[in-house]
Amino acid sequence: KRSKNFGTNTCNVGNGGVSCVNKHLIDRTNNLKVLMQSEGNSAEILKDVKCMRALLKVGPIQGCLEYAYKSSVASAADLPVQKAEGWAFCGAALPFLHEVDQAAAANVKAE
């Protein structure tokens, strides 16, 4: 849904979708299915899981950024809705941001 706003809508998922994040998640999931069929693939499995964990952060981060922008240009009537949507996404993204920049996370939380 947000991929067009961030330029991540250039992949053919195969079900009509175009999100590259979703495409990569599907590819990693399918690869894990194969890797888990035999022993000795722990390093590759860990690599795929690490990649998937990073990809799962994209949606909340994109949503947080999108609704931060929408809140900054919203009319007084629309502002509460935009802020509520933003809080839903930013609340999910805050732990990731806190890991890398505690001051930035505190600033997002305060807004």
Protein backbone atom coordinates (compact mmCIF):
# COMPACT_ATOMS: atom_id res chain seq x y z
CA LYS A 1 0.00 0.00 0.00
CA ARG A 2 2.81 2.45 0.83
CA SER A 3 5.39 1.02 -1.55
CA LYS A 4 4.56 3.55 -4.29
CA ASN A 5 5.41 6.42 -1.94
CA PHE A 6 8.86 4.99 -1.23
CA GLY A 7 9.84 3.60 -4.63
CA THR A 8 9.67 -0.01 -3.46
CA ASN A 9 6.85 -0.95 -5.84
CA THR A 10 8.90 -2.24 -8.76
CA CYS A 11 8.70 -6.02 -8.23
CA ASN A 12 6.24 -8.53 -9.60
CA VAL A 13 5.11 -10.64 -6.66
CA GLY A 14 3.07 -12.97 -8.85
CA ASN A 15 -0.31 -12.33 -7.24
CA GLY A 16 -0.76 -8.87 -8.69
CA GLY A 17 1.29 -7.23 -5.95
CA VAL A 18 4.29 -5.05 -6.67
CA SER A 19 5.95 -4.53 -3.27
CA CYS A 20 9.62 -5.49 -3.40
CA VAL A 21 9.59 -6.03 0.36
CA ASN A 22 6.83 -8.61 -0.01
CA LYS A 23 8.66 -10.23 -2.94
CA HIS A 24 11.84 -10.58 -0.90
CA LEU A 25 9.91 -11.96 2.08
CA ILE A 26 8.23 -14.57 -0.12
CA ASP A 27 11.57 -15.51 -1.69
CA ARG A 28 13.25 -15.87 1.72
CA THR A 29 10.30 -17.93 3.04
CA ASN A 30 10.48 -20.28 0.07
CA ASN A 31 14.24 -20.58 0.48
CA LEU A 32 13.79 -21.45 4.16
CA LYS A 33 11.38 -24.23 3.24
CA VAL A 34 14.11 -25.80 1.11
CA LEU A 35 16.91 -25.23 3.61
CA MET A 36 14.96 -26.81 6.46
CA GLN A 37 14.57 -30.07 4.55
CA SER A 38 18.14 -31.12 5.30
CA GLU A 39 20.79 -30.72 7.97
CA GLY A 40 23.86 -28.53 7.79
CA ASN A 41 22.14 -25.36 6.66
CA SER A 42 22.16 -23.48 9.95
CA ALA A 43 24.29 -20.60 8.67
CA GLU A 44 22.10 -20.09 5.60
CA ILE A 45 18.91 -20.36 7.67
CA LEU A 46 20.22 -17.75 10.10
CA LYS A 47 21.11 -15.47 7.19
CA ASP A 48 17.59 -15.73 5.74
CA VAL A 49 15.94 -15.18 9.12
CA LYS A 50 18.09 -12.11 9.75
CA CYS A 51 17.13 -10.75 6.32
CA MET A 52 13.44 -11.40 6.99
CA ARG A 53 13.59 -9.67 10.36
CA ALA A 54 15.05 -6.58 8.67
CA LEU A 55 12.41 -6.65 5.93
CA LEU A 56 9.60 -6.86 8.48
CA LYS A 57 10.72 -3.49 9.86
CA VAL A 58 10.11 -1.71 6.56
CA GLY A 59 6.30 -1.46 6.80
CA PRO A 60 6.17 0.19 10.23
CA ILE A 61 9.00 2.57 9.34
CA GLN A 62 7.37 3.59 6.06
CA GLY A 63 4.01 4.03 7.79
CA CYS A 64 5.57 6.14 10.53
CA LEU A 65 7.23 8.42 8.00
CA GLU A 66 4.11 8.68 5.83
CA TYR A 67 1.80 9.63 8.68
CA ALA A 68 4.35 12.01 10.17
CA TYR A 69 4.20 13.84 6.85
CA LYS A 70 0.41 13.60 6.60
CA SER A 71 0.10 14.99 10.14
CA SER A 72 2.30 17.93 9.22
CA VAL A 73 0.00 18.98 6.38
CA ALA A 74 -3.38 17.82 7.76
CA SER A 75 -6.29 20.12 8.34
CA ALA A 76 -7.43 20.61 11.92
CA ALA A 77 -10.35 18.24 11.26
CA ASP A 78 -8.10 15.47 9.87
CA LEU A 79 -5.23 15.88 12.32
CA PRO A 80 -6.52 13.49 15.03
CA VAL A 81 -7.00 10.67 12.51
CA GLN A 82 -3.57 11.24 10.93
CA LYS A 83 -1.90 11.33 14.36
CA ALA A 84 -3.68 8.13 15.44
CA GLU A 85 -2.57 6.32 12.28
CA GLY A 86 0.94 7.67 12.77
CA TRP A 87 1.06 6.50 16.37
CA ALA A 88 0.06 2.98 15.32
CA PHE A 89 2.95 2.76 12.87
CA CYS A 90 5.46 4.76 14.92
CA GLY A 91 4.69 2.70 18.01
CA ALA A 92 5.73 -0.39 16.07
CA ALA A 93 8.84 1.31 14.66
CA LEU A 94 10.07 2.92 17.90
CA PRO A 95 11.88 -0.15 19.28
CA PHE A 96 13.93 -0.42 16.07
CA LEU A 97 14.74 3.28 16.13
CA HIS A 98 15.61 3.12 19.83
CA GLU A 99 18.20 0.41 19.08
CA VAL A 100 20.14 2.77 16.84
CA ASP A 101 19.31 6.26 18.16
CA GLN A 102 17.68 6.71 21.55
CA ALA A 103 17.39 10.49 21.20
CA ALA A 104 15.62 10.20 17.83
CA ALA A 105 13.23 7.60 19.29
CA ALA A 106 12.43 9.93 22.18
CA ASN A 107 11.77 12.77 19.73
CA VAL A 108 9.40 10.62 17.64
CA LYS A 109 7.59 9.48 20.76
CA ALA A 110 7.18 13.07 21.95
CA GLU A 111 5.68 14.17 18.64
